[in-house]
Protein backbone atom coordinates (compact mmCIF):
# COMPACT_ATOMS: atom_id res chain seq x y z
CA UNK A 1 0.00 0.00 0.00
CA UNK A 2 1.17 3.50 -0.81
CA UNK A 3 2.61 5.24 2.31
CA UNK A 4 0.62 8.39 1.56
CA UNK A 5 -2.57 6.40 1.57
CA UNK A 6 -1.64 4.77 4.87
CA UNK A 7 -1.00 8.18 6.38
CA UNK A 8 -4.41 9.46 5.27
CA UNK A 9 -6.07 6.35 6.70
CA UNK A 10 -4.19 6.81 9.98
CA UNK A 11 -5.42 10.41 10.11
CA UNK A 12 -8.98 9.17 9.61
CA UNK A 13 -8.57 6.64 12.42
CA UNK A 14 -7.28 9.39 14.69
CA UNK A 15 -10.30 11.55 13.87
CA UNK A 16 -12.56 8.60 14.70
CA UNK A 17 -10.71 8.22 18.02
CA UNK A 18 -11.58 11.85 18.83
CA UNK A 19 -15.20 10.97 18.03
CA UNK A 20 -15.17 7.84 20.19
CA UNK A 21 -13.73 9.82 23.07
CA UNK A 22 -16.33 12.57 22.67
CA UNK A 23 -19.16 10.06 22.53
CA UNK A 24 -17.73 8.28 25.59
CA UNK A 25 -17.68 11.56 27.50
CA UNK A 26 -21.29 12.14 26.37
CA UNK A 27 -22.29 8.75 27.78
CA UNK A 28 -20.56 9.55 31.07
CA UNK A 29 -22.38 12.90 31.15
CA UNK A 30 -25.74 11.15 30.85
CA UNK A 31 -24.80 8.47 33.38
CA UNK A 32 -23.45 10.87 35.99
CA UNK A 33 -26.02 13.61 35.45
CA UNK A 34 -29.19 11.58 34.97
CA UNK A 35 -28.78 7.91 35.87
CA UNK A 36 -26.65 7.95 39.03
CA UNK A 37 -28.80 10.53 40.88
CA UNK A 38 -31.68 8.05 40.70
CA UNK A 39 -29.69 5.62 42.82
CA UNK A 40 -28.64 8.09 45.49
CA UNK A 41 -30.65 9.27 48.41
CA UNK A 42 -28.88 12.61 48.62
CA UNK A 43 -28.91 15.78 46.60
CA UNK A 44 -29.06 15.42 42.84
CA UNK A 45 -27.50 18.82 42.15
CA UNK A 46 -23.82 17.78 42.46
CA UNK A 47 -24.36 14.93 40.00
CA UNK A 48 -26.23 17.14 37.56
CA UNK A 49 -23.43 19.74 37.68
CA UNK A 50 -20.79 17.06 37.20
CA UNK A 51 -22.78 15.54 34.32
CA UNK A 52 -23.04 18.97 32.73
CA UNK A 53 -19.25 19.41 33.05
CA UNK A 54 -18.68 16.04 31.36
CA UNK A 55 -21.04 17.20 28.61
CA UNK A 56 -18.96 20.34 28.10
CA UNK A 57 -15.84 18.16 27.89
CA UNK A 58 -17.58 15.99 25.28
CA UNK A 59 -18.48 19.00 23.14
CA UNK A 60 -14.92 20.33 23.44
CA UNK A 61 -13.43 16.99 22.41
CA UNK A 62 -15.72 16.70 19.38
CA UNK A 63 -15.04 20.28 18.28
CA UNK A 64 -11.29 20.03 18.81
CA UNK A 65 -11.25 16.72 16.94
CA UNK A 66 -12.94 18.34 13.94
CA UNK A 67 -10.52 21.27 13.91
CA UNK A 68 -7.58 18.93 14.40
CA UNK A 69 -8.71 16.77 11.47
CA UNK A 70 -8.89 19.82 9.21
CA UNK A 71 -5.37 20.91 10.25
CA UNK A 72 -3.94 17.41 9.74
CA UNK A 73 -5.62 17.06 6.33
CA UNK A 74 -4.19 20.40 5.22
CA UNK A 75 -0.73 19.43 6.46
CA UNK A 76 -0.94 16.13 4.57
CA UNK A 77 -1.89 17.96 1.38
CA UNK A 78 1.21 20.16 1.82
CA UNK A 79 3.37 17.17 2.67
CA UNK A 80 4.11 18.49 6.17
CA UNK A 81 3.21 17.59 9.73
CA UNK A 82 0.88 19.38 12.13
CA UNK A 83 1.92 18.80 15.72
CA UNK A 84 -0.74 18.62 18.41
CA UNK A 85 -0.55 21.70 20.61
CA UNK A 86 1.04 21.04 24.01
CA UNK A 87 -1.19 23.63 25.76
CA UNK A 88 -4.25 21.93 24.26
CA UNK A 89 -3.07 18.56 25.57
CA UNK A 90 -2.46 20.14 28.97
CA UNK A 91 -5.93 21.74 29.11
CA UNK A 92 -7.76 18.58 28.04
CA UNK A 93 -5.76 16.50 30.50
CA UNK A 94 -6.39 18.97 33.31
CA UNK A 95 -10.10 18.96 32.51
CA UNK A 96 -10.26 15.17 32.52
CA UNK A 97 -8.27 14.89 35.74
CA UNK A 98 -10.42 17.56 37.39
CA UNK A 99 -13.62 15.75 36.43
CA UNK A 100 -12.23 12.40 37.57
CA UNK A 101 -11.24 13.89 40.93
CA UNK A 102 -14.66 15.51 41.31
CA UNK A 103 -16.30 12.16 40.55
CA UNK A 104 -14.12 10.42 43.13
CA UNK A 105 -14.95 13.13 45.67
CA UNK A 106 -18.69 12.60 45.15
CA UNK A 107 -18.23 8.87 45.59
CA UNK A 108 -16.12 9.35 48.72
CA UNK A 109 -18.58 11.80 50.28
CA UNK A 110 -21.41 9.39 49.51
CA UNK A 111 -23.97 11.76 48.02
C-alpha cells in the first residue's frame, strides 16, 4: 500500500478516536447527570453539575477533533506535519483529571 494512503487512513482513524472519546464523554455525562442521581438518596444537584461538566468536555473533544482533522488534512496535502498543541493537551488532560477527581470526591462523600 502506498505510504501516503496509509498516512491518510491513519489520520482518519485518529479523527474517529476523537469521536469515540467525545461520545464516551457524552455517555458519562448522561450516566453521571441523569442515571446515578436516581440511585442516590442525597442531593441530585452535584451529579447534575458534574454531568453537565462532562457534557462540556464531550463538546470540546468533538469540536477540537474536527478542527484537528482539518489541520492534519491540510498538512498532509502540503506534505508536512501538524503537531498537536502542548497547551491543548495540557488543558484537556487537566479537565479530565479535574472531572475524575470531582467524581471520586462525590463517591467518597457518599452523596
